[in-house]
Amino acid sequence: MNNSDCFREYPDILTIEQLMEMLHIGRNSAYSMLKDGLIKTIKVGKKYIIPKKSVIEFIETAC
């Protein structure tokens, strides 16, 4: 089973809450990871667009 299979129930574009749930982290940690560029995102105004693919890539490079 690969990482994309683990997260198949999540949509292709994630909310911050879904990111927190996927990684089992808190809100401050999630925003910190996004601001530091650990997970690739697109920022539109104050809102982050978080591709599920970016989260999977982050997990694969962290292992």
PDB file of N, CA and C in Angstrom:
ATOM      1  N   MET A   1       0.856  -1.187   0.000  1.00  0.00           N
ATOM      2  CA  MET A   1       0.000   0.000   0.000  1.00  0.00           C
ATOM      3  C   MET A   1       0.892   1.235   0.000  1.00  0.00           C
ATOM      4  N   ASN A   2       0.654   2.163  -0.922  1.00  0.00           N
ATOM      5  CA  ASN A   2       1.452   3.383  -0.946  1.00  0.00           C
ATOM      6  C   ASN A   2       0.707   4.516  -0.244  1.00  0.00           C
ATOM      7  N   ASN A   3       1.381   5.646  -0.114  1.00  0.00           N
ATOM      8  CA  ASN A   3       0.809   6.765   0.639  1.00  0.00           C
ATOM      9  C   ASN A   3      -0.461   7.326  -0.001  1.00  0.00           C
ATOM     10  N   SER A   4      -0.534   7.325  -1.328  1.00  0.00           N
ATOM     11  CA  SER A   4      -1.742   7.861  -1.959  1.00  0.00           C
ATOM     12  C   SER A   4      -2.955   6.979  -1.664  1.00  0.00           C
ATOM     13  N   ASP A   5      -2.745   5.682  -1.490  1.00  0.00           N
ATOM     14  CA  ASP A   5      -3.856   4.801  -1.109  1.00  0.00           C
ATOM     15  C   ASP A   5      -4.338   5.093   0.306  1.00  0.00           C
ATOM     16  N   CYS A   6      -3.425   5.465   1.179  1.00  0.00           N
ATOM     17  CA  CYS A   6      -3.780   5.773   2.572  1.00  0.00           C
ATOM     18  C   CYS A   6      -4.708   6.980   2.665  1.00  0.00           C
ATOM     19  N   PHE A   7      -4.580   7.896   1.712  1.00  0.00           N
ATOM     20  CA  PHE A   7      -5.325   9.156   1.771  1.00  0.00           C
ATOM     21  C   PHE A   7      -6.389   9.275   0.692  1.00  0.00           C
ATOM     22  N   ARG A   8      -6.848   8.165   0.154  1.00  0.00           N
ATOM     23  CA  ARG A   8      -7.797   8.222  -0.964  1.00  0.00           C
ATOM     24  C   ARG A   8      -9.133   8.853  -0.569  1.00  0.00           C
ATOM     25  N   GLU A   9      -9.489   8.848   0.716  1.00  0.00           N
ATOM     26  CA  GLU A   9     -10.774   9.429   1.120  1.00  0.00           C
ATOM     27  C   GLU A   9     -10.738  10.958   1.157  1.00  0.00           C
ATOM     28  N   TYR A  10      -9.553  11.539   1.053  1.00  0.00           N
ATOM     29  CA  TYR A  10      -9.421  12.994   1.062  1.00  0.00           C
ATOM     30  C   TYR A  10      -9.528  13.547  -0.355  1.00  0.00           C
ATOM     31  N   PRO A  11     -10.070  14.762  -0.498  1.00  0.00           N
ATOM     32  CA  PRO A  11     -10.163  15.376  -1.832  1.00  0.00           C
ATOM     33  C   PRO A  11      -8.776  15.789  -2.342  1.00  0.00           C
ATOM     34  N   ASP A  12      -8.699  16.134  -3.618  1.00  0.00           N
ATOM     35  CA  ASP A  12      -7.418  16.530  -4.212  1.00  0.00           C
ATOM     36  C   ASP A  12      -6.910  17.859  -3.670  1.00  0.00           C
ATOM     37  N   ILE A  13      -7.813  18.734  -3.249  1.00  0.00           N
ATOM     38  CA  ILE A  13      -7.453  20.011  -2.631  1.00  0.00           C
ATOM     39  C   ILE A  13      -7.940  19.969  -1.187  1.00  0.00           C
ATOM     40  N   LEU A  14      -7.001  20.227  -0.266  1.00  0.00           N
ATOM     41  CA  LEU A  14      -7.281  20.060   1.161  1.00  0.00           C
ATOM     42  C   LEU A  14      -7.508  21.386   1.875  1.00  0.00           C
ATOM     43  N   THR A  15      -8.241  21.309   2.969  1.00  0.00           N
ATOM     44  CA  THR A  15      -8.360  22.428   3.899  1.00  0.00           C
ATOM     45  C   THR A  15      -7.266  22.269   4.956  1.00  0.00           C
ATOM     46  N   ILE A  16      -7.065  23.288   5.722  1.00  0.00           N
ATOM     47  CA  ILE A  16      -6.075  23.212   6.803  1.00  0.00           C
ATOM     48  C   ILE A  16      -6.492  22.140   7.814  1.00  0.00           C
ATOM     49  N   GLU A  17      -7.787  22.003   8.050  1.00  0.00           N
ATOM     50  CA  GLU A  17      -8.282  20.989   8.987  1.00  0.00           C
ATOM     51  C   GLU A  17      -7.981  19.580   8.491  1.00  0.00           C
ATOM     52  N   GLN A  18      -8.145  19.354   7.198  1.00  0.00           N
ATOM     53  CA  GLN A  18      -7.842  18.039   6.625  1.00  0.00           C
ATOM     54  C   GLN A  18      -6.339  17.746   6.701  1.00  0.00           C
ATOM     55  N   LEU A  19      -5.516  18.761   6.458  1.00  0.00           N
ATOM     56  CA  LEU A  19      -4.062  18.600   6.589  1.00  0.00           C
ATOM     57  C   LEU A  19      -3.707  18.213   8.017  1.00  0.00           C
ATOM     58  N   MET A  20      -4.310  18.882   8.981  1.00  0.00           N
ATOM     59  CA  MET A  20      -4.060  18.578  10.388  1.00  0.00           C
ATOM     60  C   MET A  20      -4.443  17.132  10.700  1.00  0.00           C
ATOM     61  N   GLU A  21      -5.571  16.710  10.172  1.00  0.00           N
ATOM     62  CA  GLU A  21      -6.053  15.341  10.405  1.00  0.00           C
ATOM     63  C   GLU A  21      -5.123  14.312   9.756  1.00  0.00           C
ATOM     64  N   MET A  22      -4.696  14.583   8.532  1.00  0.00           N
ATOM     65  CA  MET A  22      -3.830  13.644   7.800  1.00  0.00           C
ATOM     66  C   MET A  22      -2.509  13.427   8.518  1.00  0.00           C
ATOM     67  N   LEU A  23      -1.925  14.513   9.029  1.00  0.00           N
ATOM     68  CA  LEU A  23      -0.597  14.442   9.638  1.00  0.00           C
ATOM     69  C   LEU A  23      -0.642  14.326  11.162  1.00  0.00           C
ATOM     70  N   HIS A  24      -1.840  14.376  11.734  1.00  0.00           N
ATOM     71  CA  HIS A  24      -2.008  14.300  13.192  1.00  0.00           C
ATOM     72  C   HIS A  24      -1.183  15.392  13.884  1.00  0.00           C
ATOM     73  N   ILE A  25      -1.392  16.631  13.412  1.00  0.00           N
ATOM     74  CA  ILE A  25      -0.689  17.773  13.976  1.00  0.00           C
ATOM     75  C   ILE A  25      -1.695  18.853  14.328  1.00  0.00           C
ATOM     76  N   GLY A  26      -1.253  19.821  15.092  1.00  0.00           N
ATOM     77  CA  GLY A  26      -2.102  20.931  15.485  1.00  0.00           C
ATOM     78  C   GLY A  26      -2.096  22.042  14.456  1.00  0.00           C
ATOM     79  N   ARG A  27      -2.965  23.018  14.675  1.00  0.00           N
ATOM     80  CA  ARG A  27      -3.121  24.134  13.750  1.00  0.00           C
ATOM     81  C   ARG A  27      -1.828  24.944  13.600  1.00  0.00           C
ATOM     82  N   ASN A  28      -1.164  25.249  14.707  1.00  0.00           N
ATOM     83  CA  ASN A  28       0.068  26.044  14.621  1.00  0.00           C
ATOM     84  C   ASN A  28       1.142  25.318  13.829  1.00  0.00           C
ATOM     85  N   SER A  29       1.277  24.015  14.048  1.00  0.00           N
ATOM     86  CA  SER A  29       2.269  23.226  13.301  1.00  0.00           C
ATOM     87  C   SER A  29       1.928  23.197  11.818  1.00  0.00           C
ATOM     88  N   ALA A  30       0.665  23.054  11.510  1.00  0.00           N
ATOM     89  CA  ALA A  30       0.239  23.001  10.108  1.00  0.00           C
ATOM     90  C   ALA A  30       0.566  24.314   9.398  1.00  0.00           C
ATOM     91  N   TYR A  31       0.189  25.428   9.999  1.00  0.00           N
ATOM     92  CA  TYR A  31       0.477  26.724   9.374  1.00  0.00           C
ATOM     93  C   TYR A  31       1.976  26.972   9.290  1.00  0.00           C
ATOM     94  N   SER A  32       2.710  26.548  10.274  1.00  0.00           N
ATOM     95  CA  SER A  32       4.164  26.698  10.258  1.00  0.00           C
ATOM     96  C   SER A  32       4.784  25.924   9.091  1.00  0.00           C
ATOM     97  N   MET A  33       4.306  24.704   8.868  1.00  0.00           N
ATOM     98  CA  MET A  33       4.811  23.893   7.750  1.00  0.00           C
ATOM     99  C   MET A  33       4.506  24.553   6.413  1.00  0.00           C
ATOM    100  N   LEU A  34       3.335  25.146   6.296  1.00  0.00           N
ATOM    101  CA  LEU A  34       2.965  25.816   5.048  1.00  0.00           C
ATOM    102  C   LEU A  34       3.804  27.070   4.835  1.00  0.00           C
ATOM    103  N   LYS A  35       3.962  27.869   5.888  1.00  0.00           N
ATOM    104  CA  LYS A  35       4.743  29.104   5.784  1.00  0.00           C
ATOM    105  C   LYS A  35       6.206  28.827   5.503  1.00  0.00           C
ATOM    106  N   ASP A  36       6.745  27.733   6.049  1.00  0.00           N
ATOM    107  CA  ASP A  36       8.152  27.379   5.841  1.00  0.00           C
ATOM    108  C   ASP A  36       8.391  26.694   4.498  1.00  0.00           C
ATOM    109  N   GLY A  37       7.333  26.395   3.770  1.00  0.00           N
ATOM    110  CA  GLY A  37       7.464  25.773   2.463  1.00  0.00           C
ATOM    111  C   GLY A  37       7.725  24.276   2.498  1.00  0.00           C
ATOM    112  N   LEU A  38       7.504  23.642   3.644  1.00  0.00           N
ATOM    113  CA  LEU A  38       7.702  22.197   3.731  1.00  0.00           C
ATOM    114  C   LEU A  38       6.668  21.443   2.893  1.00  0.00           C
ATOM    115  N   ILE A  39       5.495  22.020   2.783  1.00  0.00           N
ATOM    116  CA  ILE A  39       4.438  21.480   1.927  1.00  0.00           C
ATOM    117  C   ILE A  39       4.119  22.564   0.905  1.00  0.00           C
ATOM    118  N   LYS A  40       4.206  22.214  -0.369  1.00  0.00           N
ATOM    119  CA  LYS A  40       3.972  23.188  -1.439  1.00  0.00           C
ATOM    120  C   LYS A  40       2.499  23.560  -1.495  1.00  0.00           C
ATOM    121  N   THR A  41       2.253  24.854  -1.500  1.00  0.00           N
ATOM    122  CA  THR A  41       0.880  25.364  -1.541  1.00  0.00           C
ATOM    123  C   THR A  41       0.797  26.542  -2.493  1.00  0.00           C
ATOM    124  N   ILE A  42      -0.418  26.965  -2.731  1.00  0.00           N
ATOM    125  CA  ILE A  42      -0.682  28.203  -3.447  1.00  0.00           C
ATOM    126  C   ILE A  42      -1.465  29.070  -2.473  1.00  0.00           C
ATOM    127  N   LYS A  43      -1.020  30.296  -2.296  1.00  0.00           N
ATOM    128  CA  LYS A  43      -1.722  31.187  -1.380  1.00  0.00           C
ATOM    129  C   LYS A  43      -2.534  32.187  -2.196  1.00  0.00           C
ATOM    130  N   VAL A  44      -3.833  32.213  -1.914  1.00  0.00           N
ATOM    131  CA  VAL A  44      -4.740  33.135  -2.566  1.00  0.00           C
ATOM    132  C   VAL A  44      -5.306  34.036  -1.484  1.00  0.00           C
ATOM    133  N   GLY A  45      -4.836  35.271  -1.461  1.00  0.00           N
ATOM    134  CA  GLY A  45      -5.214  36.169  -0.373  1.00  0.00           C
ATOM    135  C   GLY A  45      -4.666  35.613   0.927  1.00  0.00           C
ATOM    136  N   LYS A  46      -5.536  35.368   1.877  1.00  0.00           N
ATOM    137  CA  LYS A  46      -5.121  34.788   3.155  1.00  0.00           C
ATOM    138  C   LYS A  46      -5.322  33.276   3.194  1.00  0.00           C
ATOM    139  N   LYS A  47      -5.889  32.731   2.130  1.00  0.00           N
ATOM    140  CA  LYS A  47      -6.249  31.312   2.113  1.00  0.00           C
ATOM    141  C   LYS A  47      -5.175  30.480   1.415  1.00  0.00           C
ATOM    142  N   TYR A  48      -4.886  29.309   1.994  1.00  0.00           N
ATOM    143  CA  TYR A  48      -3.954  28.366   1.397  1.00  0.00           C
ATOM    144  C   TYR A  48      -4.717  27.327   0.580  1.00  0.00           C
ATOM    145  N   ILE A  49      -4.242  27.074  -0.620  1.00  0.00           N
ATOM    146  CA  ILE A  49      -4.737  25.981  -1.454  1.00  0.00           C
ATOM    147  C   ILE A  49      -3.703  24.866  -1.302  1.00  0.00           C
ATOM    148  N   ILE A  50      -4.094  23.750  -0.720  1.00  0.00           N
ATOM    149  CA  ILE A  50      -3.154  22.682  -0.371  1.00  0.00           C
ATOM    150  C   ILE A  50      -3.448  21.451  -1.223  1.00  0.00           C
ATOM    151  N   PRO A  51      -2.615  21.179  -2.230  1.00  0.00           N
ATOM    152  CA  PRO A  51      -2.824  19.965  -3.027  1.00  0.00           C
ATOM    153  C   PRO A  51      -2.470  18.711  -2.212  1.00  0.00           C
ATOM    154  N   LYS A  52      -3.332  17.705  -2.279  1.00  0.00           N
ATOM    155  CA  LYS A  52      -3.058  16.451  -1.580  1.00  0.00           C
ATOM    156  C   LYS A  52      -1.728  15.865  -2.046  1.00  0.00           C
ATOM    157  N   LYS A  53      -1.420  16.035  -3.307  1.00  0.00           N
ATOM    158  CA  LYS A  53      -0.170  15.545  -3.884  1.00  0.00           C
ATOM    159  C   LYS A  53       1.047  16.112  -3.134  1.00  0.00           C
ATOM    160  N   SER A  54       0.971  17.376  -2.725  1.00  0.00           N
ATOM    161  CA  SER A  54       2.073  18.004  -1.989  1.00  0.00           C
ATOM    162  C   SER A  54       2.282  17.362  -0.620  1.00  0.00           C
ATOM    163  N   VAL A  55       1.199  16.983   0.020  1.00  0.00           N
ATOM    164  CA  VAL A  55       1.296  16.335   1.330  1.00  0.00           C
ATOM    165  C   VAL A  55       1.924  14.947   1.172  1.00  0.00           C
ATOM    166  N   ILE A  56       1.505  14.226   0.149  1.00  0.00           N
ATOM    167  CA  ILE A  56       2.067  12.892  -0.107  1.00  0.00           C
ATOM    168  C   ILE A  56       3.558  12.996  -0.429  1.00  0.00           C
ATOM    169  N   GLU A  57       3.940  13.991  -1.227  1.00  0.00           N
ATOM    170  CA  GLU A  57       5.361  14.195  -1.545  1.00  0.00           C
ATOM    171  C   GLU A  57       6.159  14.512  -0.281  1.00  0.00           C
ATOM    172  N   PHE A  58       5.580  15.329   0.603  1.00  0.00           N
ATOM    173  CA  PHE A  58       6.253  15.666   1.851  1.00  0.00           C
ATOM    174  C   PHE A  58       6.507  14.399   2.680  1.00  0.00           C
ATOM    175  N   ILE A  59       5.510  13.541   2.784  1.00  0.00           N
ATOM    176  CA  ILE A  59       5.640  12.316   3.562  1.00  0.00           C
ATOM    177  C   ILE A  59       6.696  11.400   2.948  1.00  0.00           C
ATOM    178  N   GLU A  60       6.685  11.289   1.627  1.00  0.00           N
ATOM    179  CA  GLU A  60       7.646  10.413   0.954  1.00  0.00           C
ATOM    180  C   GLU A  60       9.081  10.900   1.119  1.00  0.00           C
ATOM    181  N   THR A  61       9.305  12.209   1.125  1.00  0.00           N
ATOM    182  CA  THR A  61      10.661  12.719   1.292  1.00  0.00           C
ATOM    183  C   THR A  61      11.098  12.700   2.749  1.00  0.00           C
ATOM    184  N   ALA A  62      10.134  12.700   3.665  1.00  0.00           N
ATOM    185  CA  ALA A  62      10.475  12.681   5.098  1.00  0.00           C
ATOM    186  C   ALA A  62      10.890  11.289   5.568  1.00  0.00           C
ATOM    187  N   CYS A  63      10.496  10.270   4.850  1.00  0.00           N
ATOM    188  CA  CYS A  63      10.789   8.886   5.258  1.00  0.00           C
ATOM    189  C   CYS A  63      12.195   8.471   4.865  1.00  0.00           C
TER     190      CYS A  63
END
